[in-house]
Amino acid sequence: HTRKVMRGGCWVTRSRLIRTQYRNFMTPDRRDVLTGFRTCAR
């Protein structure tokens, strides 16, 4: 299987890992509530 890099964290990630340097790897066909594109307004 090919894997894709997921950067950052989500609402269940430990606080010490919520940073852009954090990496996780998942297969492209994986779907769940923990991955996706999120936006932020200032």
C-alpha atoms as a PDB file:
ATOM      1  CA  HIS A   1       0.000   0.000   0.000  1.00  0.00           C
ATOM      2  CA  THR A   2       1.045   3.540  -0.704  1.00  0.00           C
ATOM      3  CA  ARG A   3       0.882   5.824   2.296  1.00  0.00           C
ATOM      4  CA  LYS A   4       0.373   9.578   2.479  1.00  0.00           C
ATOM      5  CA  VAL A   5       1.726  11.920   5.127  1.00  0.00           C
ATOM      6  CA  MET A   6      -0.698  13.635   7.473  1.00  0.00           C
ATOM      7  CA  ARG A   7       0.740  16.705   9.227  1.00  0.00           C
ATOM      8  CA  GLY A   8      -0.376  18.353  12.447  1.00  0.00           C
ATOM      9  CA  GLY A   9      -2.907  16.905  14.838  1.00  0.00           C
ATOM     10  CA  CYS A  10      -6.591  16.724  15.647  1.00  0.00           C
ATOM     11  CA  TRP A  11      -8.870  17.039  18.664  1.00  0.00           C
ATOM     12  CA  VAL A  12      -7.704  13.689  20.104  1.00  0.00           C
ATOM     13  CA  THR A  13      -3.961  14.266  19.557  1.00  0.00           C
ATOM     14  CA  ARG A  14      -1.896  14.731  22.703  1.00  0.00           C
ATOM     15  CA  SER A  15      -1.108  18.411  23.263  1.00  0.00           C
ATOM     16  CA  ARG A  16       2.653  17.878  22.954  1.00  0.00           C
ATOM     17  CA  LEU A  17       2.128  16.546  19.405  1.00  0.00           C
ATOM     18  CA  ILE A  18      -0.082  19.356  18.073  1.00  0.00           C
ATOM     19  CA  ARG A  19       2.456  21.055  15.841  1.00  0.00           C
ATOM     20  CA  THR A  20       3.190  21.127  12.116  1.00  0.00           C
ATOM     21  CA  GLN A  21       6.292  18.981  12.581  1.00  0.00           C
ATOM     22  CA  TYR A  22       4.146  16.050  13.793  1.00  0.00           C
ATOM     23  CA  ARG A  23       3.714  13.390  11.097  1.00  0.00           C
ATOM     24  CA  ASN A  24       1.427  10.415  10.777  1.00  0.00           C
ATOM     25  CA  PHE A  25       0.983   8.078   7.822  1.00  0.00           C
ATOM     26  CA  MET A  26      -2.253   6.709   6.393  1.00  0.00           C
ATOM     27  CA  THR A  27      -3.384   4.955   3.253  1.00  0.00           C
ATOM     28  CA  PRO A  28      -5.116   7.264   0.722  1.00  0.00           C
ATOM     29  CA  ASP A  29      -8.409   5.338   0.932  1.00  0.00           C
ATOM     30  CA  ARG A  30      -8.790   5.769   4.701  1.00  0.00           C
ATOM     31  CA  ARG A  31     -11.764   7.880   5.819  1.00  0.00           C
ATOM     32  CA  ASP A  32     -12.574   8.917   9.385  1.00  0.00           C
ATOM     33  CA  VAL A  33     -13.450  11.935  11.540  1.00  0.00           C
ATOM     34  CA  LEU A  34      -9.830  12.476  12.591  1.00  0.00           C
ATOM     35  CA  THR A  35      -8.447  13.461   9.184  1.00  0.00           C
ATOM     36  CA  GLY A  36      -9.323  16.223   6.758  1.00  0.00           C
ATOM     37  CA  PHE A  37      -8.753  19.834   5.825  1.00  0.00           C
ATOM     38  CA  ARG A  38      -9.589  22.456   8.441  1.00  0.00           C
ATOM     39  CA  THR A  39      -9.636  26.213   8.112  1.00  0.00           C
ATOM     40  CA  CYS A  40      -9.135  28.938  10.679  1.00  0.00           C
ATOM     41  CA  ALA A  41     -10.320  32.552  10.669  1.00  0.00           C
ATOM     42  CA  ARG A  42      -8.562  35.344  12.525  1.00  0.00           C
END
